[in-house]
């Protein structure tokens, strides 16, 4: 099922409670994204202005998972 994921890059524009972030994608869309498990376990801090890689499902293009900070 990994083949069904869409990988995009974006910039964090707002930090929300409960490890949620508003991210502006390269296509000028804004989505809600949460941290992946590895980023939570290793306490990787994400702040506004950070470039991130997002993994999205093709079924819901308004939500995603942050899998890497660039």
PDB file of N, CA and C in Angstrom:
ATOM      1  N   UNK A   1       0.810  -1.214   0.000  1.00  0.00           N
ATOM      2  CA  UNK A   1       0.000   0.000   0.000  1.00  0.00           C
ATOM      3  C   UNK A   1       0.846   1.269   0.000  1.00  0.00           C
ATOM      4  N   UNK A   2       2.158   1.166   0.171  1.00  0.00           N
ATOM      5  CA  UNK A   2       3.007   2.351   0.159  1.00  0.00           C
ATOM      6  C   UNK A   2       2.973   3.058  -1.187  1.00  0.00           C
ATOM      7  N   UNK A   3       2.624   2.338  -2.247  1.00  0.00           N
ATOM      8  CA  UNK A   3       2.606   2.938  -3.578  1.00  0.00           C
ATOM      9  C   UNK A   3       1.511   3.984  -3.715  1.00  0.00           C
ATOM     10  N   UNK A   4       0.501   3.933  -2.847  1.00  0.00           N
ATOM     11  CA  UNK A   4      -0.629   4.836  -2.946  1.00  0.00           C
ATOM     12  C   UNK A   4      -0.368   6.209  -2.338  1.00  0.00           C
ATOM     13  N   UNK A   5       0.805   6.432  -1.754  1.00  0.00           N
ATOM     14  CA  UNK A   5       1.096   7.692  -1.075  1.00  0.00           C
ATOM     15  C   UNK A   5       1.623   8.737  -2.054  1.00  0.00           C
ATOM     16  N   UNK A   6       1.250   9.990  -1.809  1.00  0.00           N
ATOM     17  CA  UNK A   6       1.729  11.124  -2.593  1.00  0.00           C
ATOM     18  C   UNK A   6       2.744  11.872  -1.736  1.00  0.00           C
ATOM     19  N   UNK A   7       3.943  12.093  -2.267  1.00  0.00           N
ATOM     20  CA  UNK A   7       4.993  12.793  -1.538  1.00  0.00           C
ATOM     21  C   UNK A   7       5.124  14.208  -2.100  1.00  0.00           C
ATOM     22  N   UNK A   8       4.989  15.218  -1.234  1.00  0.00           N
ATOM     23  CA  UNK A   8       5.126  16.612  -1.649  1.00  0.00           C
ATOM     24  C   UNK A   8       5.952  17.364  -0.608  1.00  0.00           C
ATOM     25  N   UNK A   9       6.459  18.517  -1.008  1.00  0.00           N
ATOM     26  CA  UNK A   9       7.192  19.375  -0.088  1.00  0.00           C
ATOM     27  C   UNK A   9       6.389  20.628   0.163  1.00  0.00           C
ATOM     28  N   UNK A  10       6.602  21.219   1.346  1.00  0.00           N
ATOM     29  CA  UNK A  10       5.885  22.433   1.693  1.00  0.00           C
ATOM     30  C   UNK A  10       6.590  23.172   2.810  1.00  0.00           C
ATOM     31  N   UNK A  11       5.963  24.261   3.241  1.00  0.00           N
ATOM     32  CA  UNK A  11       6.521  25.094   4.300  1.00  0.00           C
ATOM     33  C   UNK A  11       5.489  25.247   5.402  1.00  0.00           C
ATOM     34  N   UNK A  12       5.922  25.065   6.650  1.00  0.00           N
ATOM     35  CA  UNK A  12       5.031  25.205   7.800  1.00  0.00           C
ATOM     36  C   UNK A  12       4.712  26.682   7.974  1.00  0.00           C
ATOM     37  N   UNK A  13       3.416  27.021   7.987  1.00  0.00           N
ATOM     38  CA  UNK A  13       3.029  28.423   8.149  1.00  0.00           C
ATOM     39  C   UNK A  13       2.369  28.689   9.490  1.00  0.00           C
ATOM     40  N   UNK A  14       1.914  27.620  10.185  1.00  0.00           N
ATOM     41  CA  UNK A  14       1.276  27.814  11.481  1.00  0.00           C
ATOM     42  C   UNK A  14       1.414  26.539  12.308  1.00  0.00           C
ATOM     43  N   UNK A  15       1.678  26.729  13.606  1.00  0.00           N
ATOM     44  CA  UNK A  15       1.742  25.606  14.543  1.00  0.00           C
ATOM     45  C   UNK A  15       0.447  25.580  15.328  1.00  0.00           C
ATOM     46  N   UNK A  16      -0.202  24.418  15.385  1.00  0.00           N
ATOM     47  CA  UNK A  16      -1.465  24.247  16.086  1.00  0.00           C
ATOM     48  C   UNK A  16      -1.264  23.279  17.245  1.00  0.00           C
ATOM     49  N   UNK A  17      -2.219  23.206  18.187  1.00  0.00           N
ATOM     50  CA  UNK A  17      -2.075  22.268  19.311  1.00  0.00           C
ATOM     51  C   UNK A  17      -2.055  20.812  18.849  1.00  0.00           C
ATOM     52  N   UNK A  18      -1.567  19.939  19.725  1.00  0.00           N
ATOM     53  CA  UNK A  18      -1.546  18.486  19.505  1.00  0.00           C
ATOM     54  C   UNK A  18      -0.737  18.079  18.285  1.00  0.00           C
ATOM     55  N   UNK A  19       0.413  18.673  18.110  1.00  0.00           N
ATOM     56  CA  UNK A  19       1.349  18.373  17.013  1.00  0.00           C
ATOM     57  C   UNK A  19       0.691  18.441  15.636  1.00  0.00           C
ATOM     58  N   UNK A  20      -0.220  19.379  15.457  1.00  0.00           N
ATOM     59  CA  UNK A  20      -0.810  19.649  14.144  1.00  0.00           C
ATOM     60  C   UNK A  20      -0.147  20.892  13.572  1.00  0.00           C
ATOM     61  N   UNK A  21      -0.023  20.924  12.265  1.00  0.00           N
ATOM     62  CA  UNK A  21       0.617  22.048  11.594  1.00  0.00           C
ATOM     63  C   UNK A  21      -0.168  22.393  10.347  1.00  0.00           C
ATOM     64  N   UNK A  22      -0.242  23.685  10.031  1.00  0.00           N
ATOM     65  CA  UNK A  22      -0.810  24.117   8.761  1.00  0.00           C
ATOM     66  C   UNK A  22       0.371  24.316   7.818  1.00  0.00           C
ATOM     67  N   UNK A  23       0.334  23.625   6.678  1.00  0.00           N
ATOM     68  CA  UNK A  23       1.455  23.607   5.745  1.00  0.00           C
ATOM     69  C   UNK A  23       0.994  24.118   4.392  1.00  0.00           C
ATOM     70  N   UNK A  24       1.791  25.020   3.813  1.00  0.00           N
ATOM     71  CA  UNK A  24       1.526  25.512   2.462  1.00  0.00           C
ATOM     72  C   UNK A  24       2.392  24.713   1.499  1.00  0.00           C
ATOM     73  N   UNK A  25       1.751  24.003   0.588  1.00  0.00           N
ATOM     74  CA  UNK A  25       2.465  23.151  -0.360  1.00  0.00           C
ATOM     75  C   UNK A  25       3.024  23.979  -1.508  1.00  0.00           C
ATOM     76  N   UNK A  26       3.862  23.345  -2.315  1.00  0.00           N
ATOM     77  CA  UNK A  26       4.441  24.030  -3.481  1.00  0.00           C
ATOM     78  C   UNK A  26       3.367  24.406  -4.500  1.00  0.00           C
ATOM     79  N   UNK A  27       2.221  23.742  -4.436  1.00  0.00           N
ATOM     80  CA  UNK A  27       1.122  24.025  -5.361  1.00  0.00           C
ATOM     81  C   UNK A  27       0.184  25.093  -4.807  1.00  0.00           C
ATOM     82  N   UNK A  28       0.604  25.806  -3.745  1.00  0.00           N
ATOM     83  CA  UNK A  28      -0.157  26.871  -3.085  1.00  0.00           C
ATOM     84  C   UNK A  28      -1.424  26.383  -2.403  1.00  0.00           C
ATOM     85  N   UNK A  29      -1.541  25.093  -2.122  1.00  0.00           N
ATOM     86  CA  UNK A  29      -2.634  24.572  -1.314  1.00  0.00           C
ATOM     87  C   UNK A  29      -2.212  24.572   0.145  1.00  0.00           C
ATOM     88  N   UNK A  30      -3.156  24.791   1.056  1.00  0.00           N
ATOM     89  CA  UNK A  30      -2.874  24.712   2.480  1.00  0.00           C
ATOM     90  C   UNK A  30      -3.549  23.470   3.032  1.00  0.00           C
ATOM     91  N   UNK A  31      -2.790  22.656   3.769  1.00  0.00           N
ATOM     92  CA  UNK A  31      -3.340  21.432   4.340  1.00  0.00           C
ATOM     93  C   UNK A  31      -2.998  21.359   5.824  1.00  0.00           C
ATOM     94  N   UNK A  32      -3.673  20.477   6.543  1.00  0.00           N
ATOM     95  CA  UNK A  32      -3.332  20.161   7.923  1.00  0.00           C
ATOM     96  C   UNK A  32      -2.453  18.923   7.925  1.00  0.00           C
ATOM     97  N   UNK A  33      -1.389  18.955   8.703  1.00  0.00           N
ATOM     98  CA  UNK A  33      -0.484  17.810   8.751  1.00  0.00           C
ATOM     99  C   UNK A  33      -0.108  17.534  10.204  1.00  0.00           C
ATOM    100  N   UNK A  34       0.079  16.255  10.517  1.00  0.00           N
ATOM    101  CA  UNK A  34       0.545  15.863  11.844  1.00  0.00           C
ATOM    102  C   UNK A  34       1.914  15.202  11.718  1.00  0.00           C
ATOM    103  N   UNK A  35       2.589  15.050  12.852  1.00  0.00           N
ATOM    104  CA  UNK A  35       3.927  14.460  12.850  1.00  0.00           C
ATOM    105  C   UNK A  35       3.849  12.949  12.720  1.00  0.00           C
ATOM    106  N   UNK A  36       4.800  12.368  12.023  1.00  0.00           N
ATOM    107  CA  UNK A  36       4.881  10.916  11.945  1.00  0.00           C
ATOM    108  C   UNK A  36       5.458  10.385  13.264  1.00  0.00           C
ATOM    109  N   UNK A  37       5.371   9.092  13.460  1.00  0.00           N
ATOM    110  CA  UNK A  37       5.817   8.476  14.697  1.00  0.00           C
ATOM    111  C   UNK A  37       7.293   8.664  14.989  1.00  0.00           C
ATOM    112  N   UNK A  38       8.155   8.526  13.967  1.00  0.00           N
ATOM    113  CA  UNK A  38       9.604   8.668  14.178  1.00  0.00           C
ATOM    114  C   UNK A  38       9.969  10.082  14.628  1.00  0.00           C
ATOM    115  N   UNK A  39       9.291  11.092  14.087  1.00  0.00           N
ATOM    116  CA  UNK A  39       9.591  12.468  14.494  1.00  0.00           C
ATOM    117  C   UNK A  39       9.156  12.702  15.939  1.00  0.00           C
ATOM    118  N   UNK A  40       8.046  12.084  16.346  1.00  0.00           N
ATOM    119  CA  UNK A  40       7.598  12.221  17.742  1.00  0.00           C
ATOM    120  C   UNK A  40       8.548  11.508  18.695  1.00  0.00           C
ATOM    121  N   UNK A  41       8.951  10.295  18.338  1.00  0.00           N
ATOM    122  CA  UNK A  41       9.820   9.493  19.213  1.00  0.00           C
ATOM    123  C   UNK A  41      11.159  10.196  19.438  1.00  0.00           C
ATOM    124  N   UNK A  42      11.734  10.763  18.390  1.00  0.00           N
ATOM    125  CA  UNK A  42      13.054  11.394  18.489  1.00  0.00           C
ATOM    126  C   UNK A  42      12.976  12.876  18.836  1.00  0.00           C
ATOM    127  N   UNK A  43      11.770  13.378  19.175  1.00  0.00           N
ATOM    128  CA  UNK A  43      11.559  14.762  19.621  1.00  0.00           C
ATOM    129  C   UNK A  43      12.124  15.783  18.640  1.00  0.00           C
ATOM    130  N   UNK A  44      11.841  15.592  17.348  1.00  0.00           N
ATOM    131  CA  UNK A  44      12.268  16.545  16.328  1.00  0.00           C
ATOM    132  C   UNK A  44      11.327  17.750  16.382  1.00  0.00           C
ATOM    133  N   UNK A  45      11.883  18.922  16.583  1.00  0.00           N
ATOM    134  CA  UNK A  45      11.072  20.130  16.697  1.00  0.00           C
ATOM    135  C   UNK A  45      10.794  20.709  15.311  1.00  0.00           C
ATOM    136  N   UNK A  46       9.552  21.077  15.081  1.00  0.00           N
ATOM    137  CA  UNK A  46       9.129  21.722  13.841  1.00  0.00           C
ATOM    138  C   UNK A  46       8.611  23.103  14.216  1.00  0.00           C
ATOM    139  N   UNK A  47       9.120  24.139  13.564  1.00  0.00           N
ATOM    140  CA  UNK A  47       8.679  25.506  13.833  1.00  0.00           C
ATOM    141  C   UNK A  47       8.218  26.149  12.529  1.00  0.00           C
ATOM    142  N   UNK A  48       7.557  27.282  12.654  1.00  0.00           N
ATOM    143  CA  UNK A  48       7.078  27.992  11.469  1.00  0.00           C
ATOM    144  C   UNK A  48       8.258  28.372  10.584  1.00  0.00           C
ATOM    145  N   UNK A  49       8.088  28.202   9.286  1.00  0.00           N
ATOM    146  CA  UNK A  49       9.133  28.513   8.338  1.00  0.00           C
ATOM    147  C   UNK A  49       9.953  27.308   7.911  1.00  0.00           C
ATOM    148  N   UNK A  50       9.817  26.184   8.613  1.00  0.00           N
ATOM    149  CA  UNK A  50      10.564  24.977   8.250  1.00  0.00           C
ATOM    150  C   UNK A  50      10.035  24.385   6.951  1.00  0.00           C
ATOM    151  N   UNK A  51      10.942  23.878   6.125  1.00  0.00           N
ATOM    152  CA  UNK A  51      10.572  23.121   4.920  1.00  0.00           C
ATOM    153  C   UNK A  51      10.422  21.669   5.330  1.00  0.00           C
ATOM    154  N   UNK A  52       9.337  21.023   4.916  1.00  0.00           N
ATOM    155  CA  UNK A  52       9.063  19.651   5.315  1.00  0.00           C
ATOM    156  C   UNK A  52       8.620  18.828   4.113  1.00  0.00           C
ATOM    157  N   UNK A  53       8.769  17.505   4.242  1.00  0.00           N
ATOM    158  CA  UNK A  53       8.247  16.568   3.257  1.00  0.00           C
ATOM    159  C   UNK A  53       6.983  15.957   3.838  1.00  0.00           C
ATOM    160  N   UNK A  54       5.931  15.949   3.040  1.00  0.00           N
ATOM    161  CA  UNK A  54       4.616  15.482   3.490  1.00  0.00           C
ATOM    162  C   UNK A  54       4.229  14.241   2.698  1.00  0.00           C
ATOM    163  N   UNK A  55       3.612  13.305   3.387  1.00  0.00           N
ATOM    164  CA  UNK A  55       3.059  12.110   2.759  1.00  0.00           C
ATOM    165  C   UNK A  55       1.542  12.242   2.837  1.00  0.00           C
ATOM    166  N   UNK A  56       0.874  12.163   1.672  1.00  0.00           N
ATOM    167  CA  UNK A  56      -0.572  12.341   1.626  1.00  0.00           C
ATOM    168  C   UNK A  56      -1.240  11.145   0.974  1.00  0.00           C
ATOM    169  N   UNK A  57      -2.477  10.910   1.353  1.00  0.00           N
ATOM    170  CA  UNK A  57      -3.274   9.867   0.734  1.00  0.00           C
ATOM    171  C   UNK A  57      -3.978  10.452  -0.483  1.00  0.00           C
ATOM    172  N   UNK A  58      -4.106   9.695  -1.560  1.00  0.00           N
ATOM    173  CA  UNK A  58      -4.820  10.226  -2.734  1.00  0.00           C
ATOM    174  C   UNK A  58      -6.327  10.384  -2.489  1.00  0.00           C
ATOM    175  N   UNK A  59      -6.822   9.844  -1.391  1.00  0.00           N
ATOM    176  CA  UNK A  59      -8.254   9.897  -1.107  1.00  0.00           C
ATOM    177  C   UNK A  59      -8.668  11.161  -0.376  1.00  0.00           C
ATOM    178  N   UNK A  60      -7.746  11.760   0.409  1.00  0.00           N
ATOM    179  CA  UNK A  60      -8.054  12.987   1.135  1.00  0.00           C
ATOM    180  C   UNK A  60      -6.870  13.937   0.978  1.00  0.00           C
ATOM    181  N   UNK A  61      -7.001  14.901   0.101  1.00  0.00           N
ATOM    182  CA  UNK A  61      -5.895  15.815  -0.209  1.00  0.00           C
ATOM    183  C   UNK A  61      -5.866  17.040   0.701  1.00  0.00           C
ATOM    184  N   UNK A  62      -6.610  16.995   1.823  1.00  0.00           N
ATOM    185  CA  UNK A  62      -6.601  18.121   2.759  1.00  0.00           C
ATOM    186  C   UNK A  62      -5.805  17.805   4.017  1.00  0.00           C
ATOM    187  N   UNK A  63      -5.342  16.555   4.155  1.00  0.00           N
ATOM    188  CA  UNK A  63      -4.600  16.146   5.345  1.00  0.00           C
ATOM    189  C   UNK A  63      -3.355  15.384   4.934  1.00  0.00           C
ATOM    190  N   UNK A  64      -2.352  15.404   5.813  1.00  0.00           N
ATOM    191  CA  UNK A  64      -1.120  14.691   5.504  1.00  0.00           C
ATOM    192  C   UNK A  64      -0.319  14.398   6.757  1.00  0.00           C
ATOM    193  N   UNK A  65       0.834  13.758   6.553  1.00  0.00           N
ATOM    194  CA  UNK A  65       1.727  13.388   7.640  1.00  0.00           C
ATOM    195  C   UNK A  65       3.112  13.919   7.320  1.00  0.00           C
ATOM    196  N   UNK A  66       3.703  14.657   8.263  1.00  0.00           N
ATOM    197  CA  UNK A  66       5.058  15.170   8.085  1.00  0.00           C
ATOM    198  C   UNK A  66       6.028  14.020   8.357  1.00  0.00           C
ATOM    199  N   UNK A  67       6.841  13.662   7.352  1.00  0.00           N
ATOM    200  CA  UNK A  67       7.749  12.548   7.533  1.00  0.00           C
ATOM    201  C   UNK A  67       9.219  12.985   7.581  1.00  0.00           C
ATOM    202  N   UNK A  68       9.515  14.232   7.201  1.00  0.00           N
ATOM    203  CA  UNK A  68      10.917  14.685   7.227  1.00  0.00           C
ATOM    204  C   UNK A  68      10.962  16.205   7.285  1.00  0.00           C
ATOM    205  N   UNK A  69      11.903  16.721   8.097  1.00  0.00           N
ATOM    206  CA  UNK A  69      12.188  18.164   8.112  1.00  0.00           C
ATOM    207  C   UNK A  69      13.411  18.384   7.256  1.00  0.00           C
ATOM    208  N   UNK A  70      13.339  19.306   6.315  1.00  0.00           N
ATOM    209  CA  UNK A  70      14.449  19.545   5.390  1.00  0.00           C
ATOM    210  C   UNK A  70      15.370  20.642   5.900  1.00  0.00           C
TER     211      UNK A  70
END
